[in-house]
């Protein structure tokens, strides 16, 4: 078998440096898994790239071999006259392969998201349980954290809930600066809470996921800002128990939320992202149609 001369090697490297990247081809039936989508959403792009690279190594090897042969044929050389492993050792560092993950994302069904309110306080139990134990309070409670996160005027919340026969003990300040800026309707929220029948629930905003916007984010290591469309539903859900409220309270307007910012008095009160899949997902527990998920939640760059 022949060996490449330095001149032939330099010409091959020049060809490879000027050649376009090799693109992976994805069959239209191939999709990212739920777990891989979750990793992209939470900024773990490197793990997904490594998984795809490992599962496609044979195809990647064939693409690399094809490009090396092109580099030799460009000089009028017959690739069969050279040993593949020697060619790879000399030229592999100058070959670029694009995994074409954007096309794979376009093939993938859009994940369902729950934008969940986390807090330093206990979660909400069923309406029956909460009312049987004295009712909803504003100060130092998860219910109060929800009131603040949704930009409600606490005094109006107390009035609306009491009108429906619910107990609302304690002080409920009149924060008039929030009037007209509430994320959802007071009565709609009260109805949703009244029909909450599951323990250990969190407040959630649901929607489809624009996965490509998460993939293209500039800095995967930093918390993101999200665009939430008008009309997407708000309600209560427990991923541990697979239940909650009807989740039928629509956002009154589109809004942006910064996952790095606290929503209440402590750093523990903040919005986070959960991907809705698995045995105790909303899809499985509620049997909703695709219309339930409304419009796409977008990761803002």
Protein backbone atom coordinates (compact mmCIF):
# COMPACT_ATOMS: atom_id res chain seq x y z
CA UNK A 1 0.00 0.00 0.00
CA UNK A 2 1.17 3.52 -0.77
CA UNK A 3 1.77 6.33 1.70
CA UNK A 4 0.83 9.95 1.11
CA UNK A 5 3.71 12.32 0.53
CA UNK A 6 3.85 15.59 2.45
CA UNK A 7 2.82 17.45 -0.69
CA UNK A 8 -0.16 15.14 -1.24
CA UNK A 9 -1.15 15.43 2.43
CA UNK A 10 -0.97 19.25 2.29
CA UNK A 11 -3.15 19.31 -0.83
CA UNK A 12 -5.67 16.97 0.80
CA UNK A 13 -5.80 19.21 3.90
CA UNK A 14 -6.31 22.29 1.71
CA UNK A 15 -9.19 20.52 -0.05
CA UNK A 16 -10.79 19.52 3.27
CA UNK A 17 -10.46 23.03 4.72
CA UNK A 18 -12.27 24.48 1.71
CA UNK A 19 -14.92 21.77 1.47
CA UNK A 20 -18.37 22.43 3.02
CA UNK A 21 -19.36 20.65 6.23
CA UNK A 22 -20.79 17.20 5.86
CA UNK A 23 -24.46 17.11 6.92
CA UNK A 24 -26.17 14.29 8.73
CA UNK A 25 -29.33 13.11 7.01
CA UNK A 26 -32.29 12.37 9.26
CA UNK A 27 -35.22 10.27 8.13
CA UNK A 28 -38.51 12.15 8.66
CA UNK A 29 -39.59 9.42 11.11
CA UNK A 30 -36.59 9.95 13.38
CA UNK A 31 -37.21 12.13 16.44
CA UNK A 32 -35.54 13.21 19.65
CA UNK A 33 -36.71 11.36 22.75
CA UNK A 34 -38.64 13.06 25.57
CA UNK A 35 -35.52 12.85 27.71
CA UNK A 36 -33.37 14.51 25.03
CA UNK A 37 -35.93 17.29 24.59
CA UNK A 38 -35.84 17.86 28.35
CA UNK A 39 -32.04 18.12 28.29
CA UNK A 40 -32.17 20.74 25.52
CA UNK A 41 -34.77 22.76 27.43
CA UNK A 42 -32.63 22.69 30.58
CA UNK A 43 -29.46 23.73 28.75
CA UNK A 44 -27.73 20.34 28.51
CA UNK A 45 -27.06 20.50 24.76
CA UNK A 46 -23.65 18.83 25.00
CA UNK A 47 -25.20 15.65 26.40
CA UNK A 48 -27.66 15.43 23.50
CA UNK A 49 -24.93 16.01 20.92
CA UNK A 50 -22.79 13.30 22.51
CA UNK A 51 -25.70 10.83 22.57
CA UNK A 52 -26.48 11.47 18.90
CA UNK A 53 -22.82 11.22 17.95
CA UNK A 54 -22.44 7.89 19.75
CA UNK A 55 -25.55 6.33 18.24
CA UNK A 56 -24.55 7.45 14.71
CA UNK A 57 -20.86 6.53 14.82
CA UNK A 58 -21.07 4.07 11.93
CA UNK A 59 -22.72 6.62 9.68
CA UNK A 60 -20.26 9.32 10.79
CA UNK A 61 -17.38 6.97 9.94
CA UNK A 62 -18.80 6.43 6.45
CA UNK A 63 -19.17 10.18 5.89
CA UNK A 64 -15.59 10.81 7.00
CA UNK A 65 -14.31 8.05 4.72
CA UNK A 66 -16.28 9.48 1.80
CA UNK A 67 -14.80 12.96 2.29
CA UNK A 68 -11.23 11.62 2.59
CA UNK A 69 -11.70 9.73 -0.67
CA UNK A 70 -12.92 12.94 -2.31
CA UNK A 71 -9.75 14.70 -1.14
CA UNK A 72 -7.58 12.05 -2.78
CA UNK A 73 -9.60 11.81 -5.98
CA UNK A 74 -9.28 15.59 -6.32
CA UNK A 75 -5.54 14.96 -6.88
CA UNK A 76 -6.14 12.06 -9.27
CA UNK A 77 -5.22 9.50 -6.61
CA UNK A 78 -7.00 6.18 -6.15
CA UNK A 79 -8.14 5.81 -2.49
CA UNK A 80 -7.92 2.03 -2.81
CA UNK A 81 -4.14 2.35 -3.01
CA UNK A 82 -3.96 3.67 0.58
CA UNK A 83 -4.79 2.21 3.97
CA UNK A 84 -7.89 3.75 5.50
CA UNK A 85 -6.57 3.98 9.06
CA UNK A 86 -3.45 5.88 7.91
CA UNK A 87 -5.57 8.30 5.89
CA UNK A 88 -7.83 8.87 8.88
CA UNK A 89 -4.90 9.51 11.21
CA UNK A 90 -3.51 12.12 8.83
CA UNK A 91 -6.71 13.87 7.75
CA UNK A 92 -9.52 13.28 10.26
CA UNK A 93 -8.86 16.54 12.16
CA UNK A 94 -9.69 18.55 9.05
CA UNK A 95 -13.16 17.09 8.44
CA UNK A 96 -16.26 18.85 9.79
CA UNK A 97 -19.57 17.08 10.24
CA UNK A 98 -22.79 18.91 11.10
CA UNK A 99 -25.15 16.67 13.07
CA UNK A 100 -27.99 18.73 11.59
CA UNK A 101 -29.86 18.68 14.89
CA UNK A 102 -32.09 21.54 13.74
CA UNK A 103 -33.67 19.25 11.14
CA UNK A 104 -34.05 16.53 13.75
CA UNK A 105 -35.82 19.04 16.01
CA UNK A 106 -38.17 19.93 13.15
CA UNK A 107 -39.03 16.22 12.87
CA UNK A 108 -39.73 16.00 16.61
CA UNK A 109 -43.22 16.46 18.04
CA UNK A 110 -43.29 19.68 20.06
CA UNK A 111 -42.94 18.86 23.78
CA UNK A 112 -45.64 19.89 26.26
CA UNK A 113 -44.43 22.28 28.97
CA UNK A 114 -45.54 23.20 32.45
CA UNK A 115 -44.15 26.52 33.65
CA UNK A 116 -44.33 25.83 37.38
CA UNK A 117 -44.29 28.19 40.36
CA UNK A 118 -41.86 26.97 43.01
CA UNK A 119 -41.86 28.40 46.51
CA UNK A 120 -40.35 28.04 49.97
CA UNK A 121 -43.87 27.28 51.25
CA UNK A 122 -45.83 24.04 51.12
CA UNK A 123 -47.77 23.20 47.99
CA UNK A 124 -51.55 23.54 47.81
CA UNK A 125 -53.73 20.57 48.71
CA UNK A 126 -57.29 20.03 47.56
CA UNK A 127 -59.77 22.85 48.06
CA UNK A 128 -61.77 20.63 50.44
CA UNK A 129 -58.65 19.95 52.54
CA UNK A 130 -57.55 23.60 52.64
CA UNK A 131 -61.02 24.83 53.58
CA UNK A 132 -61.39 22.10 56.21
CA UNK A 133 -58.18 23.35 57.82
CA UNK A 134 -59.10 26.99 58.17
CA UNK A 135 -59.02 28.28 54.59
CA UNK A 136 -56.54 30.14 52.40
CA UNK A 137 -54.16 32.69 53.92
CA UNK A 138 -52.06 35.32 52.17
CA UNK A 139 -49.10 35.74 54.49
CA UNK A 140 -46.33 33.09 54.40
CA UNK A 141 -48.23 30.55 52.30
CA UNK A 142 -48.05 29.00 48.85
CA UNK A 143 -51.45 30.51 48.10
CA UNK A 144 -49.99 33.96 48.85
CA UNK A 145 -47.03 33.18 46.57
CA UNK A 146 -49.54 32.39 43.80
CA UNK A 147 -51.41 35.64 44.39
CA UNK A 148 -48.16 37.60 44.01
CA UNK A 149 -46.94 35.62 41.00
CA UNK A 150 -50.20 36.25 39.12
CA UNK A 151 -50.06 39.95 40.10
CA UNK A 152 -53.41 39.81 41.92
CA UNK A 153 -54.63 42.42 44.36
CA UNK A 154 -54.93 40.33 47.57
CA UNK A 155 -57.93 42.34 48.79
CA UNK A 156 -59.89 41.50 45.63
CA UNK A 157 -58.91 37.83 45.88
CA UNK A 158 -60.35 37.70 49.40
CA UNK A 159 -63.59 39.37 48.27
CA UNK A 160 -64.09 37.09 45.24
CA UNK A 161 -63.33 33.88 47.15
CA UNK A 162 -65.50 34.78 50.14
CA UNK A 163 -68.37 35.55 47.79
CA UNK A 164 -68.11 31.92 46.65
CA UNK A 165 -68.29 30.73 50.26
CA UNK A 166 -64.59 30.05 50.87
CA UNK A 167 -62.73 30.89 54.09
CA UNK A 168 -60.02 33.56 53.70
CA UNK A 169 -58.68 34.37 57.21
CA UNK A 170 -55.95 36.85 58.03
CA UNK A 171 -54.86 40.13 56.49
CA UNK A 172 -55.25 40.68 52.72
CA UNK A 173 -53.67 44.03 51.78
CA UNK A 174 -55.22 46.27 49.14
CA UNK A 175 -52.44 46.55 46.50
CA UNK A 176 -54.22 48.83 44.06
CA UNK A 177 -51.19 49.28 41.81
CA UNK A 178 -51.86 45.75 40.52
CA UNK A 179 -55.41 46.55 39.41
CA UNK A 180 -55.80 45.98 35.68
CA UNK A 181 -52.46 44.16 35.44
CA UNK A 182 -53.60 40.76 36.73
CA UNK A 183 -52.46 37.82 34.59
CA UNK A 184 -55.78 35.94 34.79
CA UNK A 185 -59.40 36.66 35.71
CA UNK A 186 -60.25 36.63 39.44
CA UNK A 187 -63.47 34.64 39.02
CA UNK A 188 -61.89 32.17 36.61
CA UNK A 189 -59.07 31.58 39.07
CA UNK A 190 -61.55 31.10 41.92
CA UNK A 191 -63.51 28.51 39.91
CA UNK A 192 -60.31 26.65 39.08
CA UNK A 193 -59.23 26.61 42.73
CA UNK A 194 -62.71 25.60 43.88
CA UNK A 195 -62.46 22.48 41.70
CA UNK A 196 -58.92 21.61 42.81
CA UNK A 197 -59.15 18.05 44.13
CA UNK A 198 -55.56 16.77 44.44
CA UNK A 199 -52.85 17.03 47.13
CA UNK A 200 -49.39 18.59 46.68
CA UNK A 201 -50.20 20.83 43.71
CA UNK A 202 -48.27 23.69 42.17
CA UNK A 203 -49.45 26.57 40.04
CA UNK A 204 -48.70 25.88 36.37
CA UNK A 205 -48.94 27.66 33.01
CA UNK A 206 -49.09 25.19 30.14
CA UNK A 207 -48.16 25.33 26.48
CA UNK A 208 -46.38 23.68 23.59
CA UNK A 209 -42.62 24.17 23.40
CA UNK A 210 -40.75 25.90 20.59
CA UNK A 211 -37.81 23.52 21.02
CA UNK A 212 -35.69 25.16 18.32
CA UNK A 213 -35.66 28.44 20.27
CA UNK A 214 -34.21 26.57 23.26
CA UNK A 215 -31.57 24.93 21.08
CA UNK A 216 -30.49 28.27 19.61
CA UNK A 217 -30.19 30.12 22.93
CA UNK A 218 -26.88 31.98 23.24
CA UNK A 219 -25.83 30.73 26.67
CA UNK A 220 -27.30 27.34 27.70
CA UNK A 221 -25.82 27.71 31.21
CA UNK A 222 -27.92 30.75 32.14
CA UNK A 223 -31.61 30.86 33.16
CA UNK A 224 -33.80 31.93 30.28
CA UNK A 225 -36.55 34.41 29.61
CA UNK A 226 -39.77 32.93 28.26
CA UNK A 227 -42.51 34.31 26.07
CA UNK A 228 -45.94 33.06 27.17
CA UNK A 229 -48.76 33.59 24.65
CA UNK A 230 -52.12 35.13 25.49
CA UNK A 231 -54.81 32.51 26.08
CA UNK A 232 -52.58 29.69 27.35
CA UNK A 233 -54.11 28.00 30.38
CA UNK A 234 -53.24 28.47 34.05
CA UNK A 235 -54.20 26.06 36.83
CA UNK A 236 -53.02 23.64 39.51
CA UNK A 237 -51.22 20.34 38.94
CA UNK A 238 -49.27 17.72 40.89
CA UNK A 239 -46.72 15.73 38.90
CA UNK A 240 -46.38 13.39 41.90
CA UNK A 241 -50.07 12.47 41.97
CA UNK A 242 -51.23 13.08 38.41
CA UNK A 243 -54.09 15.42 39.30
CA UNK A 244 -55.06 18.99 40.07
CA UNK A 245 -57.59 21.57 38.99
CA UNK A 246 -59.36 21.79 35.59
CA UNK A 247 -56.51 24.08 34.34
CA UNK A 248 -58.91 26.21 32.32
CA UNK A 249 -58.01 29.77 33.36
CA UNK A 250 -56.53 31.61 30.31
CA UNK A 251 -53.82 34.26 30.43
CA UNK A 252 -55.36 37.67 29.75
CA UNK A 253 -52.38 38.86 27.71
CA UNK A 254 -49.03 37.67 26.38
CA UNK A 255 -46.12 38.18 28.75
CA UNK A 256 -42.44 37.58 29.31
CA UNK A 257 -41.06 35.98 32.46
CA UNK A 258 -37.45 35.77 33.61
CA UNK A 259 -36.69 32.46 35.29
CA UNK A 260 -33.74 34.06 37.09
CA UNK A 261 -35.92 36.52 38.99
CA UNK A 262 -37.85 35.84 42.18
CA UNK A 263 -41.63 36.29 42.05
CA UNK A 264 -42.13 36.97 45.75
CA UNK A 265 -40.35 37.92 48.95
CA UNK A 266 -37.72 35.16 48.86
CA UNK A 267 -35.39 33.69 46.23
CA UNK A 268 -37.31 30.43 46.54
CA UNK A 269 -40.35 31.97 44.84
CA UNK A 270 -39.61 31.58 41.15
CA UNK A 271 -40.90 30.09 37.91
CA UNK A 272 -39.31 26.93 36.51
CA UNK A 273 -39.78 24.63 33.52
CA UNK A 274 -41.09 21.06 33.65
CA UNK A 275 -41.57 18.88 30.57
CA UNK A 276 -44.93 17.11 30.68
CA UNK A 277 -44.35 13.43 29.94
CA UNK A 278 -44.47 10.13 31.80
CA UNK A 279 -47.12 8.22 33.73
CA UNK A 280 -48.26 11.21 35.81
CA UNK A 281 -48.28 13.80 33.04
CA UNK A 282 -51.26 16.04 32.27
CA UNK A 283 -51.59 14.28 28.93
CA UNK A 284 -51.90 10.86 30.59
CA UNK A 285 -53.87 11.90 33.67
CA UNK A 286 -56.35 14.24 32.00
CA UNK A 287 -56.55 12.78 28.50
CA UNK A 288 -56.51 16.26 26.95
CA UNK A 289 -56.61 17.05 23.24
CA UNK A 290 -53.80 18.92 21.50
CA UNK A 291 -55.92 22.10 21.59
CA UNK A 292 -55.50 22.17 25.37
CA UNK A 293 -51.81 23.09 25.00
CA UNK A 294 -52.62 26.18 22.93
CA UNK A 295 -49.70 28.19 21.51
CA UNK A 296 -45.95 27.69 21.75
CA UNK A 297 -43.85 28.92 24.65
CA UNK A 298 -40.70 30.51 23.24
CA UNK A 299 -37.23 30.82 24.75
CA UNK A 300 -36.09 34.40 24.22
CA UNK A 301 -32.45 34.89 23.32
